[in-house]
C-alpha atoms as a PDB file:
ATOM      1  CA  UNK A   1      -0.303  -0.142  -0.874  1.00  0.00           C
ATOM      2  CA  UNK A   2       1.616   3.636  -0.661  1.00  0.00           C
ATOM      3  CA  UNK A   3       0.705   6.300   1.914  1.00  0.00           C
ATOM      4  CA  UNK A   4       1.724   9.764   0.728  1.00  0.00           C
ATOM      5  CA  UNK A   5       4.300  11.217   2.699  1.00  0.00           C
ATOM      6  CA  UNK A   6       3.509  13.659   5.523  1.00  0.00           C
ATOM      7  CA  UNK A   7       6.896  14.838   6.193  1.00  0.00           C
ATOM      8  CA  UNK A   8       8.056  17.673   3.483  1.00  0.00           C
ATOM      9  CA  UNK A   9       9.029  16.696   0.461  1.00  0.00           C
ATOM     10  CA  UNK A  10      12.944  17.521   0.258  1.00  0.00           C
ATOM     11  CA  UNK A  11      14.125  18.382   3.122  1.00  0.00           C
ATOM     12  CA  UNK A  12      17.053  16.791   5.166  1.00  0.00           C
ATOM     13  CA  UNK A  13      15.080  16.019   8.802  1.00  0.00           C
ATOM     14  CA  UNK A  14      19.259  15.398   9.819  1.00  0.00           C
ATOM     15  CA  UNK A  15      19.911  19.191   9.782  1.00  0.00           C
ATOM     16  CA  UNK A  16      20.278  20.966  12.809  1.00  0.00           C
ATOM     17  CA  UNK A  17      17.558  22.954  14.103  1.00  0.00           C
ATOM     18  CA  UNK A  18      14.029  22.534  16.198  1.00  0.00           C
ATOM     19  CA  UNK A  19      11.058  20.109  15.456  1.00  0.00           C
ATOM     20  CA  UNK A  20       8.106  20.527  17.458  1.00  0.00           C
ATOM     21  CA  UNK A  21       7.110  16.094  17.664  1.00  0.00           C
ATOM     22  CA  UNK A  22       3.348  14.638  18.460  1.00  0.00           C
ATOM     23  CA  UNK A  23       3.768  11.670  18.812  1.00  0.00           C
ATOM     24  CA  UNK A  24       0.060  10.039  19.155  1.00  0.00           C
ATOM     25  CA  UNK A  25      -1.060   6.442  20.914  1.00  0.00           C
ATOM     26  CA  UNK A  26      -2.718   4.196  18.901  1.00  0.00           C
ATOM     27  CA  UNK A  27      -6.856   5.366  18.288  1.00  0.00           C
ATOM     28  CA  UNK A  28      -6.022   7.769  21.397  1.00  0.00           C
ATOM     29  CA  UNK A  29      -5.965   5.281  23.902  1.00  0.00           C
ATOM     30  CA  UNK A  30      -5.355   6.574  27.175  1.00  0.00           C
ATOM     31  CA  UNK A  31      -2.094   4.588  28.163  1.00  0.00           C
ATOM     32  CA  UNK A  32       0.089   6.782  30.093  1.00  0.00           C
ATOM     33  CA  UNK A  33      -2.077   8.112  32.662  1.00  0.00           C
ATOM     34  CA  UNK A  34      -4.774  11.163  33.564  1.00  0.00           C
ATOM     35  CA  UNK A  35      -5.417  15.025  33.361  1.00  0.00           C
ATOM     36  CA  UNK A  36      -6.765  15.857  36.915  1.00  0.00           C
ATOM     37  CA  UNK A  37      -7.189  20.172  38.708  1.00  0.00           C
ATOM     38  CA  UNK A  38      -5.437  20.878  35.105  1.00  0.00           C
ATOM     39  CA  UNK A  39      -2.534  18.613  36.100  1.00  0.00           C
ATOM     40  CA  UNK A  40      -0.919  15.528  34.344  1.00  0.00           C
ATOM     41  CA  UNK A  41      -0.959  12.286  36.448  1.00  0.00           C
ATOM     42  CA  UNK A  42       1.196   9.993  35.094  1.00  0.00           C
ATOM     43  CA  UNK A  43       0.518   6.309  35.873  1.00  0.00           C
ATOM     44  CA  UNK A  44       3.378   3.669  35.612  1.00  0.00           C
ATOM     45  CA  UNK A  45       3.528   3.943  31.869  1.00  0.00           C
ATOM     46  CA  UNK A  46       3.134   7.277  31.693  1.00  0.00           C
ATOM     47  CA  UNK A  47       6.313   7.596  33.840  1.00  0.00           C
ATOM     48  CA  UNK A  48       8.297   4.881  31.670  1.00  0.00           C
ATOM     49  CA  UNK A  49       7.238   7.084  28.374  1.00  0.00           C
ATOM     50  CA  UNK A  50       8.693  10.215  30.276  1.00  0.00           C
ATOM     51  CA  UNK A  51      12.154   8.710  31.361  1.00  0.00           C
ATOM     52  CA  UNK A  52      12.448   6.967  27.736  1.00  0.00           C
ATOM     53  CA  UNK A  53      11.740  10.651  26.384  1.00  0.00           C
ATOM     54  CA  UNK A  54      14.617  12.072  28.698  1.00  0.00           C
ATOM     55  CA  UNK A  55      16.556   9.230  27.518  1.00  0.00           C
ATOM     56  CA  UNK A  56      16.733  10.283  24.277  1.00  0.00           C
ATOM     57  CA  UNK A  57      20.319  12.056  23.969  1.00  0.00           C
ATOM     58  CA  UNK A  58      22.020   9.302  25.221  1.00  0.00           C
ATOM     59  CA  UNK A  59      21.205   7.617  22.784  1.00  0.00           C
ATOM     60  CA  UNK A  60      21.706  10.068  20.250  1.00  0.00           C
ATOM     61  CA  UNK A  61      24.179  12.988  21.334  1.00  0.00           C
ATOM     62  CA  UNK A  62      23.250  15.900  18.549  1.00  0.00           C
ATOM     63  CA  UNK A  63      20.040  16.258  20.417  1.00  0.00           C
ATOM     64  CA  UNK A  64      19.136  18.418  22.881  1.00  0.00           C
ATOM     65  CA  UNK A  65      14.945  18.433  24.470  1.00  0.00           C
ATOM     66  CA  UNK A  66      13.563  21.637  25.347  1.00  0.00           C
ATOM     67  CA  UNK A  67       9.767  22.067  26.444  1.00  0.00           C
ATOM     68  CA  UNK A  68       7.663  18.677  26.408  1.00  0.00           C
ATOM     69  CA  UNK A  69       4.640  17.105  27.837  1.00  0.00           C
ATOM     70  CA  UNK A  70       3.447  13.600  28.362  1.00  0.00           C
ATOM     71  CA  UNK A  71      -0.029  13.764  27.923  1.00  0.00           C
ATOM     72  CA  UNK A  72      -2.691  10.713  28.464  1.00  0.00           C
ATOM     73  CA  UNK A  73      -2.649   9.646  24.798  1.00  0.00           C
ATOM     74  CA  UNK A  74       0.267  11.580  23.114  1.00  0.00           C
ATOM     75  CA  UNK A  75       3.063  13.202  23.485  1.00  0.00           C
ATOM     76  CA  UNK A  76       4.592  16.710  22.330  1.00  0.00           C
ATOM     77  CA  UNK A  77       7.488  18.422  22.571  1.00  0.00           C
ATOM     78  CA  UNK A  78      10.720  19.934  20.988  1.00  0.00           C
ATOM     79  CA  UNK A  79      13.844  18.302  19.912  1.00  0.00           C
ATOM     80  CA  UNK A  80      16.726  20.227  18.727  1.00  0.00           C
ATOM     81  CA  UNK A  81      19.146  18.523  16.510  1.00  0.00           C
ATOM     82  CA  UNK A  82      22.701  20.302  16.998  1.00  0.00           C
ATOM     83  CA  UNK A  83      25.967  20.305  14.554  1.00  0.00           C
ATOM     84  CA  UNK A  84      27.516  16.929  14.156  1.00  0.00           C
ATOM     85  CA  UNK A  85      30.913  18.170  15.286  1.00  0.00           C
ATOM     86  CA  UNK A  86      33.684  16.005  13.790  1.00  0.00           C
ATOM     87  CA  UNK A  87      31.579  13.721  11.471  1.00  0.00           C
ATOM     88  CA  UNK A  88      33.896  11.945   9.209  1.00  0.00           C
ATOM     89  CA  UNK A  89      30.896  10.622   7.035  1.00  0.00           C
ATOM     90  CA  UNK A  90      31.410  10.339   3.144  1.00  0.00           C
ATOM     91  CA  UNK A  91      29.729   8.953   0.658  1.00  0.00           C
ATOM     92  CA  UNK A  92      30.497   8.591  -3.078  1.00  0.00           C
ATOM     93  CA  UNK A  93      28.268  10.500  -5.560  1.00  0.00           C
ATOM     94  CA  UNK A  94      27.497   8.370  -8.638  1.00  0.00           C
ATOM     95  CA  UNK A  95      25.891  10.671 -10.986  1.00  0.00           C
ATOM     96  CA  UNK A  96      28.628  13.388 -10.787  1.00  0.00           C
ATOM     97  CA  UNK A  97      29.028  16.498 -13.897  1.00  0.00           C
ATOM     98  CA  UNK A  98      32.232  17.090 -12.112  1.00  0.00           C
ATOM     99  CA  UNK A  99      33.472  13.619 -12.869  1.00  0.00           C
ATOM    100  CA  UNK A 100      37.138  13.882 -14.594  1.00  0.00           C
ATOM    101  CA  UNK A 101      38.579  10.407 -14.317  1.00  0.00           C
ATOM    102  CA  UNK A 102      38.335   7.183 -12.944  1.00  0.00           C
ATOM    103  CA  UNK A 103      40.422   7.991 -10.169  1.00  0.00           C
ATOM    104  CA  UNK A 104      39.654  11.041  -9.098  1.00  0.00           C
ATOM    105  CA  UNK A 105      37.544  11.408  -6.246  1.00  0.00           C
ATOM    106  CA  UNK A 106      37.911  14.387  -4.807  1.00  0.00           C
ATOM    107  CA  UNK A 107      34.703  16.247  -6.023  1.00  0.00           C
ATOM    108  CA  UNK A 108      32.733  13.188  -5.554  1.00  0.00           C
ATOM    109  CA  UNK A 109      33.052  12.859  -2.378  1.00  0.00           C
ATOM    110  CA  UNK A 110      29.497  14.611  -0.817  1.00  0.00           C
ATOM    111  CA  UNK A 111      28.768  13.853   3.016  1.00  0.00           C
ATOM    112  CA  UNK A 112      26.929  11.574   3.877  1.00  0.00           C
ATOM    113  CA  UNK A 113      24.413  11.678   7.158  1.00  0.00           C
ATOM    114  CA  UNK A 114      23.288   8.605   8.830  1.00  0.00           C
ATOM    115  CA  UNK A 115      19.784   7.778   9.032  1.00  0.00           C
ATOM    116  CA  UNK A 116      20.414   7.563  12.529  1.00  0.00           C
ATOM    117  CA  UNK A 117      20.099  10.817  13.078  1.00  0.00           C
ATOM    118  CA  UNK A 118      17.327  12.556  12.007  1.00  0.00           C
ATOM    119  CA  UNK A 119      14.534  12.771  13.611  1.00  0.00           C
ATOM    120  CA  UNK A 120      12.226   9.645  12.005  1.00  0.00           C
ATOM    121  CA  UNK A 121      15.141   8.067  13.975  1.00  0.00           C
ATOM    122  CA  UNK A 122      14.774   9.586  16.937  1.00  0.00           C
ATOM    123  CA  UNK A 123      10.840   9.545  17.277  1.00  0.00           C
ATOM    124  CA  UNK A 124      11.190   5.689  16.059  1.00  0.00           C
ATOM    125  CA  UNK A 125      14.185   4.786  19.006  1.00  0.00           C
ATOM    126  CA  UNK A 126      11.874   6.361  21.092  1.00  0.00           C
ATOM    127  CA  UNK A 127       8.346   4.299  20.292  1.00  0.00           C
ATOM    128  CA  UNK A 128      10.459   0.954  20.493  1.00  0.00           C
ATOM    129  CA  UNK A 129      11.845   1.919  24.162  1.00  0.00           C
ATOM    130  CA  UNK A 130       8.314   2.706  25.473  1.00  0.00           C
ATOM    131  CA  UNK A 131       6.412   0.092  23.003  1.00  0.00           C
ATOM    132  CA  UNK A 132       9.332  -2.619  24.428  1.00  0.00           C
ATOM    133  CA  UNK A 133       8.213  -1.700  27.909  1.00  0.00           C
ATOM    134  CA  UNK A 134       4.560  -2.063  27.128  1.00  0.00           C
ATOM    135  CA  UNK A 135       4.892  -5.461  25.814  1.00  0.00           C
ATOM    136  CA  UNK A 136       6.390  -6.636  28.725  1.00  0.00           C
ATOM    137  CA  UNK A 137       4.759  -5.143  31.137  1.00  0.00           C
ATOM    138  CA  UNK A 138       0.634  -4.834  30.517  1.00  0.00           C
ATOM    139  CA  UNK A 139      -1.422  -6.606  27.850  1.00  0.00           C
ATOM    140  CA  UNK A 140      -1.200  -3.820  24.775  1.00  0.00           C
ATOM    141  CA  UNK A 141       0.833  -4.184  21.789  1.00  0.00           C
ATOM    142  CA  UNK A 142       0.153  -1.597  19.644  1.00  0.00           C
ATOM    143  CA  UNK A 143       0.934   1.692  21.410  1.00  0.00           C
ATOM    144  CA  UNK A 144       1.534   4.030  19.335  1.00  0.00           C
ATOM    145  CA  UNK A 145      -0.502   5.186  15.922  1.00  0.00           C
ATOM    146  CA  UNK A 146       1.442   5.338  12.615  1.00  0.00           C
ATOM    147  CA  UNK A 147       3.579   7.900  12.549  1.00  0.00           C
ATOM    148  CA  UNK A 148       4.232  11.090  13.854  1.00  0.00           C
ATOM    149  CA  UNK A 149       3.758  14.760  13.467  1.00  0.00           C
ATOM    150  CA  UNK A 150       5.910  17.281  12.727  1.00  0.00           C
ATOM    151  CA  UNK A 151       6.815  21.034  12.596  1.00  0.00           C
ATOM    152  CA  UNK A 152       9.866  23.037  11.821  1.00  0.00           C
ATOM    153  CA  UNK A 153       9.793  26.021  13.924  1.00  0.00           C
ATOM    154  CA  UNK A 154      11.775  28.255  11.943  1.00  0.00           C
ATOM    155  CA  UNK A 155      11.703  31.461  14.530  1.00  0.00           C
ATOM    156  CA  UNK A 156      11.872  32.268  17.893  1.00  0.00           C
ATOM    157  CA  UNK A 157       8.175  33.395  17.987  1.00  0.00           C
ATOM    158  CA  UNK A 158       6.880  29.860  16.676  1.00  0.00           C
ATOM    159  CA  UNK A 159       9.154  28.356  19.188  1.00  0.00           C
ATOM    160  CA  UNK A 160       7.860  30.670  21.995  1.00  0.00           C
ATOM    161  CA  UNK A 161       4.199  29.625  20.858  1.00  0.00           C
ATOM    162  CA  UNK A 162       4.615  25.573  20.735  1.00  0.00           C
ATOM    163  CA  UNK A 163       6.570  26.086  23.939  1.00  0.00           C
ATOM    164  CA  UNK A 164       3.914  27.897  25.949  1.00  0.00           C
ATOM    165  CA  UNK A 165       0.674  25.773  23.674  1.00  0.00           C
ATOM    166  CA  UNK A 166       3.196  22.912  25.357  1.00  0.00           C
ATOM    167  CA  UNK A 167       3.252  23.800  28.952  1.00  0.00           C
ATOM    168  CA  UNK A 168      -0.383  24.503  28.934  1.00  0.00           C
ATOM    169  CA  UNK A 169      -1.507  21.540  27.081  1.00  0.00           C
ATOM    170  CA  UNK A 170      -2.369  20.097  30.003  1.00  0.00           C
ATOM    171  CA  UNK A 171      -4.293  23.452  31.869  1.00  0.00           C
ATOM    172  CA  UNK A 172      -6.562  22.940  28.272  1.00  0.00           C
ATOM    173  CA  UNK A 173      -6.758  18.901  27.869  1.00  0.00           C
ATOM    174  CA  UNK A 174     -10.737  19.142  28.061  1.00  0.00           C
ATOM    175  CA  UNK A 175      -9.698  21.254  24.859  1.00  0.00           C
ATOM    176  CA  UNK A 176      -7.130  19.389  23.552  1.00  0.00           C
ATOM    177  CA  UNK A 177      -7.959  17.540  19.532  1.00  0.00           C
ATOM    178  CA  UNK A 178      -6.925  14.686  21.489  1.00  0.00           C
ATOM    179  CA  UNK A 179      -8.799  14.499  24.226  1.00  0.00           C
ATOM    180  CA  UNK A 180     -11.529  11.568  24.548  1.00  0.00           C
ATOM    181  CA  UNK A 181     -14.047  11.236  27.522  1.00  0.00           C
END
């Protein structure tokens, strides 16, 4: 089955920048706790999801975590990808118009970014960690809906608006588009 990608066509999701991520539970099931009086009360699974989120930089050293919240059935967070200092990975571009001879590879070298350094691989790793715990400790098999939502944060005003949204999300739970009674 061919699904249309929800990613920005041609955008390099390994490039340094700020990304607003939303990851939703399958069928919007409230697996991580509840909101009471505008405050999130995480259950054990929610605390594990919180721990897995905080461990992301241990697995991805080019990541800085900003505001985030674990909600009953989704997670919002801002992930910053930093420049990878000292990266020495290169790949040969085989169809370069600059190729001048069989042994001249100097103009063919272009930086190669490992897929393990993309926003997608970070989200995938987080989902795997939470899913593994859930399958070992609960009867839940499918934790996450397929894919995730992302927004590339391009300026300070956007960052402030998104940060405020994340911080105040529990207090506005009843109005949240992911809220289910």
